[in-house]
C-alpha atoms as a PDB file:
ATOM      1  CA  UNK A   1     -24.813   6.325  14.449  1.00  0.00           C
ATOM      2  CA  UNK A   2     -26.232   3.011  13.203  1.00  0.00           C
ATOM      3  CA  UNK A   3     -24.661  -0.215  13.167  1.00  0.00           C
ATOM      4  CA  UNK A   4     -24.562  -0.247   9.405  1.00  0.00           C
ATOM      5  CA  UNK A   5     -23.026   3.200   9.237  1.00  0.00           C
ATOM      6  CA  UNK A   6     -20.486   2.234  11.714  1.00  0.00           C
ATOM      7  CA  UNK A   7     -19.506  -0.777   9.606  1.00  0.00           C
ATOM      8  CA  UNK A   8     -19.258   1.418   6.337  1.00  0.00           C
ATOM      9  CA  UNK A   9     -16.942   3.945   8.158  1.00  0.00           C
ATOM     10  CA  UNK A  10     -14.727   1.067   9.468  1.00  0.00           C
ATOM     11  CA  UNK A  11     -14.552  -0.328   5.917  1.00  0.00           C
ATOM     12  CA  UNK A  12     -13.224   2.977   4.729  1.00  0.00           C
ATOM     13  CA  UNK A  13     -10.601   3.049   7.305  1.00  0.00           C
ATOM     14  CA  UNK A  14      -9.431  -0.489   6.730  1.00  0.00           C
ATOM     15  CA  UNK A  15      -9.200   0.137   2.978  1.00  0.00           C
ATOM     16  CA  UNK A  16      -7.210   3.381   2.933  1.00  0.00           C
ATOM     17  CA  UNK A  17      -3.767   1.814   3.846  1.00  0.00           C
ATOM     18  CA  UNK A  18      -4.292  -1.036   1.247  1.00  0.00           C
ATOM     19  CA  UNK A  19      -5.144   1.644  -1.340  1.00  0.00           C
ATOM     20  CA  UNK A  20      -2.105   3.692  -0.579  1.00  0.00           C
ATOM     21  CA  UNK A  21       0.267   1.047  -0.504  1.00  0.00           C
ATOM     22  CA  UNK A  22      -1.102  -0.660  -3.604  1.00  0.00           C
ATOM     23  CA  UNK A  23      -0.895   2.652  -5.613  1.00  0.00           C
ATOM     24  CA  UNK A  24       2.792   2.941  -4.801  1.00  0.00           C
ATOM     25  CA  UNK A  25       3.466  -0.565  -5.917  1.00  0.00           C
ATOM     26  CA  UNK A  26       1.411  -0.076  -8.942  1.00  0.00           C
ATOM     27  CA  UNK A  27       3.754   2.757 -10.158  1.00  0.00           C
ATOM     28  CA  UNK A  28       6.803   0.657  -9.328  1.00  0.00           C
ATOM     29  CA  UNK A  29       5.589  -2.356 -11.296  1.00  0.00           C
ATOM     30  CA  UNK A  30       4.623  -0.108 -14.258  1.00  0.00           C
ATOM     31  CA  UNK A  31       8.242   0.871 -14.449  1.00  0.00           C
ATOM     32  CA  UNK A  32       9.056  -2.854 -14.749  1.00  0.00           C
ATOM     33  CA  UNK A  33      10.209  -3.480 -11.100  1.00  0.00           C
ATOM     34  CA  UNK A  34       8.582  -6.114  -8.823  1.00  0.00           C
ATOM     35  CA  UNK A  35       9.189  -5.188  -5.254  1.00  0.00           C
ATOM     36  CA  UNK A  36       7.960  -7.933  -2.861  1.00  0.00           C
ATOM     37  CA  UNK A  37       9.151  -5.790   0.011  1.00  0.00           C
ATOM     38  CA  UNK A  38       5.987  -3.885   0.427  1.00  0.00           C
ATOM     39  CA  UNK A  39       5.120  -5.594   3.772  1.00  0.00           C
ATOM     40  CA  UNK A  40       8.595  -4.702   5.164  1.00  0.00           C
ATOM     41  CA  UNK A  41       8.293  -1.092   4.009  1.00  0.00           C
ATOM     42  CA  UNK A  42       4.884  -0.786   5.648  1.00  0.00           C
ATOM     43  CA  UNK A  43       5.677  -2.196   8.945  1.00  0.00           C
ATOM     44  CA  UNK A  44       8.918   0.032   9.031  1.00  0.00           C
ATOM     45  CA  UNK A  45       6.699   2.937   8.333  1.00  0.00           C
ATOM     46  CA  UNK A  46       4.332   1.931  11.008  1.00  0.00           C
ATOM     47  CA  UNK A  47       7.210   1.594  13.678  1.00  0.00           C
ATOM     48  CA  UNK A  48       9.075   4.628  12.839  1.00  0.00           C
ATOM     49  CA  UNK A  49       5.943   6.866  12.501  1.00  0.00           C
ATOM     50  CA  UNK A  50       4.659   5.929  15.864  1.00  0.00           C
ATOM     51  CA  UNK A  51       8.090   6.112  17.579  1.00  0.00           C
ATOM     52  CA  UNK A  52       8.644   9.597  16.185  1.00  0.00           C
ATOM     53  CA  UNK A  53       5.034  10.594  16.898  1.00  0.00           C
ATOM     54  CA  UNK A  54       5.234   9.667  20.601  1.00  0.00           C
ATOM     55  CA  UNK A  55       8.870  10.908  20.967  1.00  0.00           C
ATOM     56  CA  UNK A  56       8.172  14.412  19.560  1.00  0.00           C
ATOM     57  CA  UNK A  57       4.390  14.369  20.461  1.00  0.00           C
ATOM     58  CA  UNK A  58       3.636  15.412  16.888  1.00  0.00           C
ATOM     59  CA  UNK A  59       1.450  13.427  14.309  1.00  0.00           C
ATOM     60  CA  UNK A  60       2.865  15.363  11.446  1.00  0.00           C
ATOM     61  CA  UNK A  61       6.568  14.485  12.385  1.00  0.00           C
ATOM     62  CA  UNK A  62       5.260  10.827  12.873  1.00  0.00           C
ATOM     63  CA  UNK A  63       3.947  10.760   9.315  1.00  0.00           C
ATOM     64  CA  UNK A  64       7.083  12.185   7.800  1.00  0.00           C
ATOM     65  CA  UNK A  65       9.163   9.822   9.756  1.00  0.00           C
ATOM     66  CA  UNK A  66       6.934   6.919   8.292  1.00  0.00           C
ATOM     67  CA  UNK A  67       7.367   8.140   4.723  1.00  0.00           C
ATOM     68  CA  UNK A  68      11.212   8.434   5.332  1.00  0.00           C
ATOM     69  CA  UNK A  69      11.466   4.989   6.603  1.00  0.00           C
ATOM     70  CA  UNK A  70       9.661   3.670   3.523  1.00  0.00           C
ATOM     71  CA  UNK A  71      11.906   5.727   1.153  1.00  0.00           C
ATOM     72  CA  UNK A  72      14.975   4.541   2.933  1.00  0.00           C
ATOM     73  CA  UNK A  73      13.937   0.894   2.704  1.00  0.00           C
ATOM     74  CA  UNK A  74      13.028   1.298  -0.996  1.00  0.00           C
ATOM     75  CA  UNK A  75      16.523   3.000  -1.736  1.00  0.00           C
ATOM     76  CA  UNK A  76      18.123  -0.157  -0.136  1.00  0.00           C
ATOM     77  CA  UNK A  77      16.063  -2.347  -2.491  1.00  0.00           C
ATOM     78  CA  UNK A  78      16.923  -0.120  -5.455  1.00  0.00           C
ATOM     79  CA  UNK A  79      20.544  -0.234  -4.803  1.00  0.00           C
ATOM     80  CA  UNK A  80      20.326  -4.004  -4.892  1.00  0.00           C
ATOM     81  CA  UNK A  81      18.124  -4.477  -8.064  1.00  0.00           C
ATOM     82  CA  UNK A  82      19.234  -1.495 -10.047  1.00  0.00           C
ATOM     83  CA  UNK A  83      22.806  -1.031  -8.777  1.00  0.00           C
ATOM     84  CA  UNK A  84      23.784  -4.648  -8.645  1.00  0.00           C
ATOM     85  CA  UNK A  85      21.084  -6.218 -10.854  1.00  0.00           C
ATOM     86  CA  UNK A  86      20.110  -8.665  -8.076  1.00  0.00           C
ATOM     87  CA  UNK A  87      17.092 -10.888  -8.436  1.00  0.00           C
ATOM     88  CA  UNK A  88      14.028  -8.866  -7.652  1.00  0.00           C
ATOM     89  CA  UNK A  89      12.069 -11.583  -6.060  1.00  0.00           C
ATOM     90  CA  UNK A  90      14.824 -12.530  -3.722  1.00  0.00           C
ATOM     91  CA  UNK A  91      15.761  -8.875  -2.908  1.00  0.00           C
ATOM     92  CA  UNK A  92      12.183  -8.111  -2.039  1.00  0.00           C
ATOM     93  CA  UNK A  93      11.651 -11.054   0.200  1.00  0.00           C
ATOM     94  CA  UNK A  94      14.781 -10.196   1.811  1.00  0.00           C
ATOM     95  CA  UNK A  95      13.514  -6.650   2.435  1.00  0.00           C
ATOM     96  CA  UNK A  96      10.430  -7.862   4.069  1.00  0.00           C
ATOM     97  CA  UNK A  97      12.273  -9.904   6.485  1.00  0.00           C
ATOM     98  CA  UNK A  98      14.681  -7.325   7.205  1.00  0.00           C
ATOM     99  CA  UNK A  99      11.876  -4.741   7.722  1.00  0.00           C
ATOM    100  CA  UNK A 100       9.907  -7.044  10.121  1.00  0.00           C
ATOM    101  CA  UNK A 101      12.885  -7.601  12.278  1.00  0.00           C
ATOM    102  CA  UNK A 102      14.132  -4.030  12.453  1.00  0.00           C
ATOM    103  CA  UNK A 103      10.644  -2.681  13.065  1.00  0.00           C
ATOM    104  CA  UNK A 104      10.417  -4.941  16.181  1.00  0.00           C
ATOM    105  CA  UNK A 105      13.633  -3.522  17.460  1.00  0.00           C
ATOM    106  CA  UNK A 106      12.492   0.159  16.914  1.00  0.00           C
ATOM    107  CA  UNK A 107       9.010  -0.309  18.215  1.00  0.00           C
ATOM    108  CA  UNK A 108       9.888  -2.206  21.268  1.00  0.00           C
ATOM    109  CA  UNK A 109      10.257   0.670  23.717  1.00  0.00           C
ATOM    110  CA  UNK A 110       6.815   2.029  22.506  1.00  0.00           C
ATOM    111  CA  UNK A 111       4.740  -1.050  23.177  1.00  0.00           C
ATOM    112  CA  UNK A 112       1.757   0.022  25.325  1.00  0.00           C
ATOM    113  CA  UNK A 113       1.927   3.612  24.407  1.00  0.00           C
ATOM    114  CA  UNK A 114      -1.197   5.298  22.642  1.00  0.00           C
ATOM    115  CA  UNK A 115      -1.888   8.145  20.440  1.00  0.00           C
ATOM    116  CA  UNK A 116      -4.994  10.523  20.432  1.00  0.00           C
ATOM    117  CA  UNK A 117      -7.179   9.956  17.332  1.00  0.00           C
ATOM    118  CA  UNK A 118      -6.832  12.483  14.437  1.00  0.00           C
ATOM    119  CA  UNK A 119      -9.767  14.774  14.135  1.00  0.00           C
ATOM    120  CA  UNK A 120     -11.665  14.212  10.791  1.00  0.00           C
ATOM    121  CA  UNK A 121     -12.526  16.890   8.293  1.00  0.00           C
ATOM    122  CA  UNK A 122     -15.924  18.113   9.244  1.00  0.00           C
ATOM    123  CA  UNK A 123     -17.811  19.792   6.231  1.00  0.00           C
ATOM    124  CA  UNK A 124     -20.673  21.712   8.023  1.00  0.00           C
ATOM    125  CA  UNK A 125     -24.063  20.839   6.694  1.00  0.00           C
ATOM    126  CA  UNK A 126     -22.945  18.000   4.503  1.00  0.00           C
ATOM    127  CA  UNK A 127     -21.748  15.913   7.264  1.00  0.00           C
ATOM    128  CA  UNK A 128     -25.113  15.810   8.931  1.00  0.00           C
ATOM    129  CA  UNK A 129     -26.854  14.116   5.992  1.00  0.00           C
ATOM    130  CA  UNK A 130     -28.387  10.805   6.855  1.00  0.00           C
ATOM    131  CA  UNK A 131     -26.034   7.751   6.160  1.00  0.00           C
ATOM    132  CA  UNK A 132     -23.804   9.339   3.526  1.00  0.00           C
ATOM    133  CA  UNK A 133     -22.918  12.555   5.604  1.00  0.00           C
ATOM    134  CA  UNK A 134     -20.301  10.965   7.774  1.00  0.00           C
ATOM    135  CA  UNK A 135     -19.339   8.431   5.073  1.00  0.00           C
ATOM    136  CA  UNK A 136     -18.324  11.104   2.530  1.00  0.00           C
ATOM    137  CA  UNK A 137     -18.004  14.275   4.330  1.00  0.00           C
ATOM    138  CA  UNK A 138     -16.499  13.448   7.538  1.00  0.00           C
ATOM    139  CA  UNK A 139     -13.304  11.523   7.029  1.00  0.00           C
ATOM    140  CA  UNK A 140      -9.725  12.240   7.701  1.00  0.00           C
ATOM    141  CA  UNK A 141      -7.194  13.831   5.413  1.00  0.00           C
ATOM    142  CA  UNK A 142      -5.616  10.333   4.648  1.00  0.00           C
ATOM    143  CA  UNK A 143      -8.848   9.046   3.168  1.00  0.00           C
ATOM    144  CA  UNK A 144      -9.266  12.030   0.835  1.00  0.00           C
ATOM    145  CA  UNK A 145      -5.644  12.065   0.047  1.00  0.00           C
ATOM    146  CA  UNK A 146      -5.861   8.401  -1.032  1.00  0.00           C
ATOM    147  CA  UNK A 147      -8.686   9.176  -3.414  1.00  0.00           C
ATOM    148  CA  UNK A 148      -6.998  12.177  -4.729  1.00  0.00           C
ATOM    149  CA  UNK A 149      -3.700  10.171  -5.173  1.00  0.00           C
ATOM    150  CA  UNK A 150      -5.607   7.538  -7.279  1.00  0.00           C
ATOM    151  CA  UNK A 151      -6.893  10.211  -9.592  1.00  0.00           C
ATOM    152  CA  UNK A 152      -3.318  11.765  -9.882  1.00  0.00           C
ATOM    153  CA  UNK A 153      -1.800   8.256 -10.553  1.00  0.00           C
ATOM    154  CA  UNK A 154      -4.259   7.671 -13.374  1.00  0.00           C
ATOM    155  CA  UNK A 155      -3.785  11.079 -14.771  1.00  0.00           C
ATOM    156  CA  UNK A 156       0.083  10.744 -14.727  1.00  0.00           C
ATOM    157  CA  UNK A 157      -0.052   7.538 -16.590  1.00  0.00           C
ATOM    158  CA  UNK A 158      -2.517   8.831 -19.324  1.00  0.00           C
ATOM    159  CA  UNK A 159      -1.878  12.609 -19.567  1.00  0.00           C
ATOM    160  CA  UNK A 160       1.928  13.093 -18.855  1.00  0.00           C
ATOM    161  CA  UNK A 161       4.974  12.773 -20.785  1.00  0.00           C
ATOM    162  CA  UNK A 162       6.722  11.270 -18.006  1.00  0.00           C
ATOM    163  CA  UNK A 163       4.126   8.891 -17.294  1.00  0.00           C
ATOM    164  CA  UNK A 164       4.328   7.504 -21.002  1.00  0.00           C
ATOM    165  CA  UNK A 165       8.107   7.322 -20.474  1.00  0.00           C
ATOM    166  CA  UNK A 166       7.610   5.214 -17.412  1.00  0.00           C
ATOM    167  CA  UNK A 167       5.193   3.053 -19.153  1.00  0.00           C
ATOM    168  CA  UNK A 168       7.405   2.554 -22.058  1.00  0.00           C
ATOM    169  CA  UNK A 169      10.338   1.641 -19.834  1.00  0.00           C
ATOM    170  CA  UNK A 170       8.257  -0.949 -18.135  1.00  0.00           C
ATOM    171  CA  UNK A 171       6.984  -2.527 -21.381  1.00  0.00           C
ATOM    172  CA  UNK A 172      10.373  -2.832 -23.040  1.00  0.00           C
ATOM    173  CA  UNK A 173      13.439  -1.496 -21.240  1.00  0.00           C
ATOM    174  CA  UNK A 174      15.793  -2.502 -24.071  1.00  0.00           C
ATOM    175  CA  UNK A 175      13.956  -0.519 -26.707  1.00  0.00           C
ATOM    176  CA  UNK A 176      13.527   2.390 -24.210  1.00  0.00           C
ATOM    177  CA  UNK A 177      17.351   2.414 -23.531  1.00  0.00           C
ATOM    178  CA  UNK A 178      17.948   2.357 -27.206  1.00  0.00           C
ATOM    179  CA  UNK A 179      15.830   5.525 -27.549  1.00  0.00           C
ATOM    180  CA  UNK A 180      17.798   7.253 -24.988  1.00  0.00           C
ATOM    181  CA  UNK A 181      15.391   7.082 -22.169  1.00  0.00           C
ATOM    182  CA  UNK A 182      16.897   7.073 -18.561  1.00  0.00           C
ATOM    183  CA  UNK A 183      15.821   3.579 -17.567  1.00  0.00           C
ATOM    184  CA  UNK A 184      17.580   3.340 -14.314  1.00  0.00           C
ATOM    185  CA  UNK A 185      16.616   6.790 -13.069  1.00  0.00           C
ATOM    186  CA  UNK A 186      13.024   6.314 -13.899  1.00  0.00           C
ATOM    187  CA  UNK A 187      13.004   2.989 -12.121  1.00  0.00           C
ATOM    188  CA  UNK A 188      14.840   4.503  -9.152  1.00  0.00           C
ATOM    189  CA  UNK A 189      12.385   7.193  -8.742  1.00  0.00           C
ATOM    190  CA  UNK A 190       9.451   4.800  -9.156  1.00  0.00           C
ATOM    191  CA  UNK A 191      10.750   2.500  -6.518  1.00  0.00           C
ATOM    192  CA  UNK A 192      11.162   5.533  -4.105  1.00  0.00           C
ATOM    193  CA  UNK A 193       7.568   6.547  -4.818  1.00  0.00           C
ATOM    194  CA  UNK A 194       6.482   3.033  -3.986  1.00  0.00           C
ATOM    195  CA  UNK A 195       8.465   3.124  -0.740  1.00  0.00           C
ATOM    196  CA  UNK A 196       6.904   6.436   0.221  1.00  0.00           C
ATOM    197  CA  UNK A 197       3.458   5.199  -0.313  1.00  0.00           C
ATOM    198  CA  UNK A 198       4.236   2.062   1.654  1.00  0.00           C
ATOM    199  CA  UNK A 199       5.625   4.138   4.503  1.00  0.00           C
ATOM    200  CA  UNK A 200       2.574   6.390   4.488  1.00  0.00           C
ATOM    201  CA  UNK A 201       0.255   3.362   4.652  1.00  0.00           C
ATOM    202  CA  UNK A 202       2.249   2.063   7.609  1.00  0.00           C
ATOM    203  CA  UNK A 203       1.943   5.450   9.320  1.00  0.00           C
ATOM    204  CA  UNK A 204      -1.820   5.225   8.790  1.00  0.00           C
ATOM    205  CA  UNK A 205      -1.962   2.022  10.446  1.00  0.00           C
ATOM    206  CA  UNK A 206      -0.115   2.899  13.526  1.00  0.00           C
ATOM    207  CA  UNK A 207      -1.406   6.643  13.910  1.00  0.00           C
ATOM    208  CA  UNK A 208      -4.915   6.405  12.626  1.00  0.00           C
ATOM    209  CA  UNK A 209      -6.255   2.858  12.292  1.00  0.00           C
ATOM    210  CA  UNK A 210      -5.045   1.400  15.583  1.00  0.00           C
ATOM    211  CA  UNK A 211      -3.221   4.351  17.405  1.00  0.00           C
ATOM    212  CA  UNK A 212      -0.821   2.019  19.024  1.00  0.00           C
ATOM    213  CA  UNK A 213       2.356  -0.068  18.013  1.00  0.00           C
ATOM    214  CA  UNK A 214       2.382  -3.917  17.958  1.00  0.00           C
ATOM    215  CA  UNK A 215       4.786  -6.233  16.504  1.00  0.00           C
ATOM    216  CA  UNK A 216       3.634  -7.615  13.210  1.00  0.00           C
ATOM    217  CA  UNK A 217       0.657  -5.207  13.123  1.00  0.00           C
ATOM    218  CA  UNK A 218       0.542  -4.982   9.272  1.00  0.00           C
ATOM    219  CA  UNK A 219      -0.785  -8.636   9.428  1.00  0.00           C
ATOM    220  CA  UNK A 220      -0.087  -9.233   5.670  1.00  0.00           C
ATOM    221  CA  UNK A 221      -1.528  -6.127   4.402  1.00  0.00           C
ATOM    222  CA  UNK A 222       1.582  -5.612   2.287  1.00  0.00           C
ATOM    223  CA  UNK A 223       0.967  -8.954   0.478  1.00  0.00           C
ATOM    224  CA  UNK A 224      -2.715  -7.951  -0.091  1.00  0.00           C
ATOM    225  CA  UNK A 225      -1.581  -4.683  -1.650  1.00  0.00           C
ATOM    226  CA  UNK A 226       0.722  -6.698  -3.971  1.00  0.00           C
ATOM    227  CA  UNK A 227      -2.185  -8.918  -4.985  1.00  0.00           C
ATOM    228  CA  UNK A 228      -4.440  -5.910  -5.478  1.00  0.00           C
ATOM    229  CA  UNK A 229      -2.177  -4.684  -8.316  1.00  0.00           C
ATOM    230  CA  UNK A 230      -2.473  -7.931 -10.121  1.00  0.00           C
ATOM    231  CA  UNK A 231      -6.308  -8.043  -9.246  1.00  0.00           C
ATOM    232  CA  UNK A 232      -6.626  -4.538 -10.834  1.00  0.00           C
ATOM    233  CA  UNK A 233      -4.782  -5.491 -13.970  1.00  0.00           C
ATOM    234  CA  UNK A 234      -2.276  -2.632 -13.342  1.00  0.00           C
ATOM    235  CA  UNK A 235      -4.968   0.026 -13.635  1.00  0.00           C
ATOM    236  CA  UNK A 236      -5.530   2.688 -10.796  1.00  0.00           C
ATOM    237  CA  UNK A 237      -9.228   2.854 -10.934  1.00  0.00           C
ATOM    238  CA  UNK A 238      -9.541  -0.875 -10.231  1.00  0.00           C
ATOM    239  CA  UNK A 239      -6.988  -0.633  -7.474  1.00  0.00           C
ATOM    240  CA  UNK A 240      -9.478   1.728  -5.799  1.00  0.00           C
ATOM    241  CA  UNK A 241     -12.212  -0.691  -6.151  1.00  0.00           C
ATOM    242  CA  UNK A 242     -10.245  -3.838  -5.145  1.00  0.00           C
ATOM    243  CA  UNK A 243      -8.871  -1.970  -1.947  1.00  0.00           C
ATOM    244  CA  UNK A 244     -12.467  -1.446  -0.756  1.00  0.00           C
ATOM    245  CA  UNK A 245     -13.439  -4.930  -1.670  1.00  0.00           C
ATOM    246  CA  UNK A 246     -10.602  -6.383   0.345  1.00  0.00           C
ATOM    247  CA  UNK A 247     -11.071  -3.806   3.164  1.00  0.00           C
ATOM    248  CA  UNK A 248     -14.864  -4.912   3.454  1.00  0.00           C
ATOM    249  CA  UNK A 249     -13.721  -8.497   3.630  1.00  0.00           C
ATOM    250  CA  UNK A 250     -11.377  -7.599   6.552  1.00  0.00           C
ATOM    251  CA  UNK A 251     -13.995  -5.808   8.493  1.00  0.00           C
ATOM    252  CA  UNK A 252     -16.867  -8.192   8.005  1.00  0.00           C
ATOM    253  CA  UNK A 253     -14.916 -11.035   9.250  1.00  0.00           C
ATOM    254  CA  UNK A 254     -14.350  -9.247  12.371  1.00  0.00           C
ATOM    255  CA  UNK A 255     -18.112  -8.600  12.791  1.00  0.00           C
ATOM    256  CA  UNK A 256     -18.883 -12.145  11.944  1.00  0.00           C
ATOM    257  CA  UNK A 257     -16.503 -13.245  14.896  1.00  0.00           C
ATOM    258  CA  UNK A 258     -18.393 -10.798  17.133  1.00  0.00           C
ATOM    259  CA  UNK A 259     -21.737 -12.227  16.077  1.00  0.00           C
ATOM    260  CA  UNK A 260     -20.496 -15.597  16.950  1.00  0.00           C
ATOM    261  CA  UNK A 261     -21.825 -17.603  13.885  1.00  0.00           C
ATOM    262  CA  UNK A 262     -20.451 -20.754  14.986  1.00  0.00           C
ATOM    263  CA  UNK A 263     -17.626 -20.797  12.606  1.00  0.00           C
ATOM    264  CA  UNK A 264     -13.935 -21.029  14.240  1.00  0.00           C
ATOM    265  CA  UNK A 265     -12.304 -17.597  14.559  1.00  0.00           C
ATOM    266  CA  UNK A 266      -9.310 -18.884  12.825  1.00  0.00           C
ATOM    267  CA  UNK A 267     -11.311 -19.543   9.621  1.00  0.00           C
ATOM    268  CA  UNK A 268     -13.000 -16.249   9.896  1.00  0.00           C
ATOM    269  CA  UNK A 269      -9.629 -14.488  10.125  1.00  0.00           C
ATOM    270  CA  UNK A 270      -8.508 -16.245   6.952  1.00  0.00           C
ATOM    271  CA  UNK A 271     -11.231 -14.736   4.785  1.00  0.00           C
ATOM    272  CA  UNK A 272      -9.452 -11.473   3.676  1.00  0.00           C
ATOM    273  CA  UNK A 273      -6.491 -13.800   2.495  1.00  0.00           C
ATOM    274  CA  UNK A 274      -8.785 -16.545   1.058  1.00  0.00           C
ATOM    275  CA  UNK A 275     -10.556 -13.713  -0.986  1.00  0.00           C
ATOM    276  CA  UNK A 276      -7.198 -12.545  -2.223  1.00  0.00           C
ATOM    277  CA  UNK A 277      -6.217 -15.970  -3.594  1.00  0.00           C
ATOM    278  CA  UNK A 278      -9.845 -16.530  -5.134  1.00  0.00           C
ATOM    279  CA  UNK A 279      -9.716 -13.160  -6.844  1.00  0.00           C
ATOM    280  CA  UNK A 280      -6.265 -13.902  -8.350  1.00  0.00           C
ATOM    281  CA  UNK A 281      -7.545 -17.390  -9.332  1.00  0.00           C
ATOM    282  CA  UNK A 282     -10.610 -16.040 -10.997  1.00  0.00           C
ATOM    283  CA  UNK A 283      -8.553 -13.546 -12.756  1.00  0.00           C
ATOM    284  CA  UNK A 284      -6.138 -16.354 -14.079  1.00  0.00           C
ATOM    285  CA  UNK A 285      -9.069 -18.498 -15.233  1.00  0.00           C
ATOM    286  CA  UNK A 286     -10.785 -15.624 -17.133  1.00  0.00           C
ATOM    287  CA  UNK A 287      -7.708 -14.210 -18.802  1.00  0.00           C
ATOM    288  CA  UNK A 288      -5.240 -17.091 -18.821  1.00  0.00           C
ATOM    289  CA  UNK A 289      -2.467 -14.604 -18.381  1.00  0.00           C
ATOM    290  CA  UNK A 290      -1.791 -11.463 -16.529  1.00  0.00           C
ATOM    291  CA  UNK A 291      -3.572  -8.902 -18.544  1.00  0.00           C
ATOM    292  CA  UNK A 292      -1.998  -5.551 -18.215  1.00  0.00           C
ATOM    293  CA  UNK A 293       1.290  -6.696 -16.802  1.00  0.00           C
ATOM    294  CA  UNK A 294       4.372  -4.714 -17.972  1.00  0.00           C
ATOM    295  CA  UNK A 295       6.412  -6.756 -20.510  1.00  0.00           C
ATOM    296  CA  UNK A 296       9.640  -6.188 -18.609  1.00  0.00           C
ATOM    297  CA  UNK A 297       8.223  -6.643 -15.145  1.00  0.00           C
ATOM    298  CA  UNK A 298      10.714  -8.529 -12.916  1.00  0.00           C
ATOM    299  CA  UNK A 299      13.452  -8.539 -15.580  1.00  0.00           C
ATOM    300  CA  UNK A 300      16.816  -6.992 -14.367  1.00  0.00           C
ATOM    301  CA  UNK A 301      18.170  -4.296 -16.617  1.00  0.00           C
ATOM    302  CA  UNK A 302      21.963  -3.960 -17.339  1.00  0.00           C
ATOM    303  CA  UNK A 303      22.713  -1.174 -19.735  1.00  0.00           C
ATOM    304  CA  UNK A 304      25.289  -1.707 -22.431  1.00  0.00           C
ATOM    305  CA  UNK A 305      28.856  -0.911 -21.684  1.00  0.00           C
END
């Protein structure tokens, strides 16, 4: 395997958790709810999935535990912002702080443990093709699942009645409620879906990407996933493109550090986050406003009594 091929394979691996988490947040935000707790849900998914996988010696149980942890955290957030109409920004930040602290407690007994790598899907014949063989035809199920999830989310928004309902609620929850649409129920399910995706992304980090647990291992990926949704103008296809761009920035800065370019390692480590800020800035300068943002995003909904 050439160095270039190895870099490409690493970019795919680094981009997958960003894509999964961003797709979940995309659905949540299209319903009109801003959840800044993606980082907290991701790290809880990473901690619970690794703890369950080591305890039961089962990757499947670990993945299910990670998804369940993300859903549980999302349900807590939904209770605050839907049940009590709490401020969404404050509730999301509190969820992240809570998740980071609780994940450290859950994962403490498993520091130093490791898991075996998950075998990739090998398509005979095609996986042996030069350069593109391993890149496209010898990936793990999470990678193929993330691509399929992108397509399904896009079709859900554009080809299904429930997707149109969700978009309508996100654009104007008052009008949607007047038409008899179940605003709170749709938003609750969208929040749970976002939590499930964040938990799955966290499970991928600890069980596939690193195969060990360490406190703070998400390293800001939840915040990058949030920025990806804005960068993509709330469109699934551009979330896919953006995830691989930021995944590439993450991987290339590591190779730049290994090559010893004479640039401080701290500056190179900041590249993915600097790229996030630049992308959002360019988007703002180009459009002057958040094109594609749901009209009711971040606005609490209190039904008439």
